[in-house]
Amino acid sequence: MPIVVNLDVMLAKRKLNLTELSLRVGITIANMSVLKSGKAKAIRFSTLEEICKVLDCQPGDLLEYMDEESYQKLMG
C-alpha cells in the first residue's frame, strides 16, 4: 500500500519516544508499533486526532501518499 506513515519523523521532531506517545494517546505500545511500522490496515479518526494533539501536527504530517514505483523503492 503506497501510504507511508511518518510517525518516526514526527516523534524525532518532538523529541518523544513511542512509549511516551502510546501512554499519552491511550493505546498500547504494540498497536502504536504496528502503526509506526506502516503495517496497520486502518486507523480510527479518534486515534489520529489524539496523535495529532500530542504531537501538535496535522494528519498530513503523519501520512503520505506515494506512487507505487516510489513506494517500492522506499521499501526496498
Protein backbone atom coordinates (compact mmCIF):
# COMPACT_ATOMS: atom_id res chain seq x y z
CA MET A 1 0.00 0.00 0.00
CA PRO A 2 1.62 3.29 -1.03
CA ILE A 3 0.59 5.18 2.13
CA VAL A 4 3.69 5.90 4.19
CA VAL A 5 3.43 6.62 7.92
CA ASN A 6 5.92 9.26 9.01
CA LEU A 7 5.34 8.79 12.73
CA ASP A 8 9.03 8.24 13.43
CA VAL A 9 9.86 11.60 11.83
CA MET A 10 7.32 13.44 13.98
CA LEU A 11 8.48 11.65 17.12
CA ALA A 12 12.05 12.74 16.43
CA LYS A 13 10.97 16.34 15.78
CA ARG A 14 9.05 16.41 19.07
CA LYS A 15 11.76 14.51 20.96
CA LEU A 16 9.31 11.84 22.10
CA ASN A 17 9.62 8.08 22.04
CA LEU A 18 6.98 5.57 21.05
CA THR A 19 6.31 4.51 24.65
CA GLU A 20 5.61 8.06 25.77
CA LEU A 21 3.35 8.68 22.78
CA SER A 22 1.37 5.50 23.42
CA LEU A 23 0.84 6.48 27.06
CA ARG A 24 -0.31 10.00 26.14
CA VAL A 25 -2.60 8.79 23.35
CA GLY A 26 -4.00 5.89 25.34
CA ILE A 27 -3.30 2.97 23.03
CA THR A 28 -0.97 0.03 23.56
CA ILE A 29 2.67 0.18 22.57
CA ALA A 30 2.03 -2.85 20.35
CA ASN A 31 -0.67 -1.04 18.37
CA MET A 32 1.46 2.09 18.17
CA SER A 33 4.34 -0.03 16.84
CA VAL A 34 2.10 -1.52 14.14
CA LEU A 35 1.12 1.99 13.09
CA LYS A 36 4.71 3.26 13.13
CA SER A 37 5.95 0.34 11.05
CA GLY A 38 3.35 1.05 8.37
CA LYS A 39 1.74 -2.37 8.79
CA ALA A 40 -1.58 -1.01 10.07
CA LYS A 41 -4.52 -1.58 7.74
CA ALA A 42 -6.56 1.25 9.25
CA ILE A 43 -6.53 3.95 11.91
CA ARG A 44 -9.51 5.37 13.76
CA PHE A 45 -10.01 9.08 13.32
CA SER A 46 -10.20 9.41 17.11
CA THR A 47 -6.73 7.83 17.41
CA LEU A 48 -5.36 10.01 14.63
CA GLU A 49 -6.84 13.05 16.38
CA GLU A 50 -5.16 12.17 19.68
CA ILE A 51 -1.80 11.57 17.98
CA CYS A 52 -2.09 14.93 16.25
CA LYS A 53 -2.96 16.63 19.56
CA VAL A 54 0.02 15.10 21.36
CA LEU A 55 2.47 15.77 18.52
CA ASP A 56 0.92 19.16 17.67
CA CYS A 57 0.73 18.29 13.98
CA GLN A 58 -1.67 17.75 11.09
CA PRO A 59 -2.73 14.32 9.74
CA GLY A 60 -0.78 15.13 6.56
CA ASP A 61 2.39 15.37 8.66
CA LEU A 62 1.90 11.73 9.62
CA LEU A 63 0.51 10.17 6.44
CA GLU A 64 1.94 10.48 2.95
CA TYR A 65 0.77 9.04 -0.36
CA MET A 66 3.41 7.76 -2.79
CA ASP A 67 3.01 6.33 -6.24
CA GLU A 68 3.69 2.61 -6.47
CA GLU A 69 7.16 2.97 -8.00
CA SER A 70 8.39 5.40 -5.33
CA TYR A 71 6.89 3.23 -2.61
CA GLN A 72 8.65 0.12 -3.89
CA LYS A 73 11.97 1.99 -3.99
CA LEU A 74 11.48 3.16 -0.41
CA MET A 75 10.55 -0.29 0.85
CA GLY A 76 13.43 -1.89 -1.00
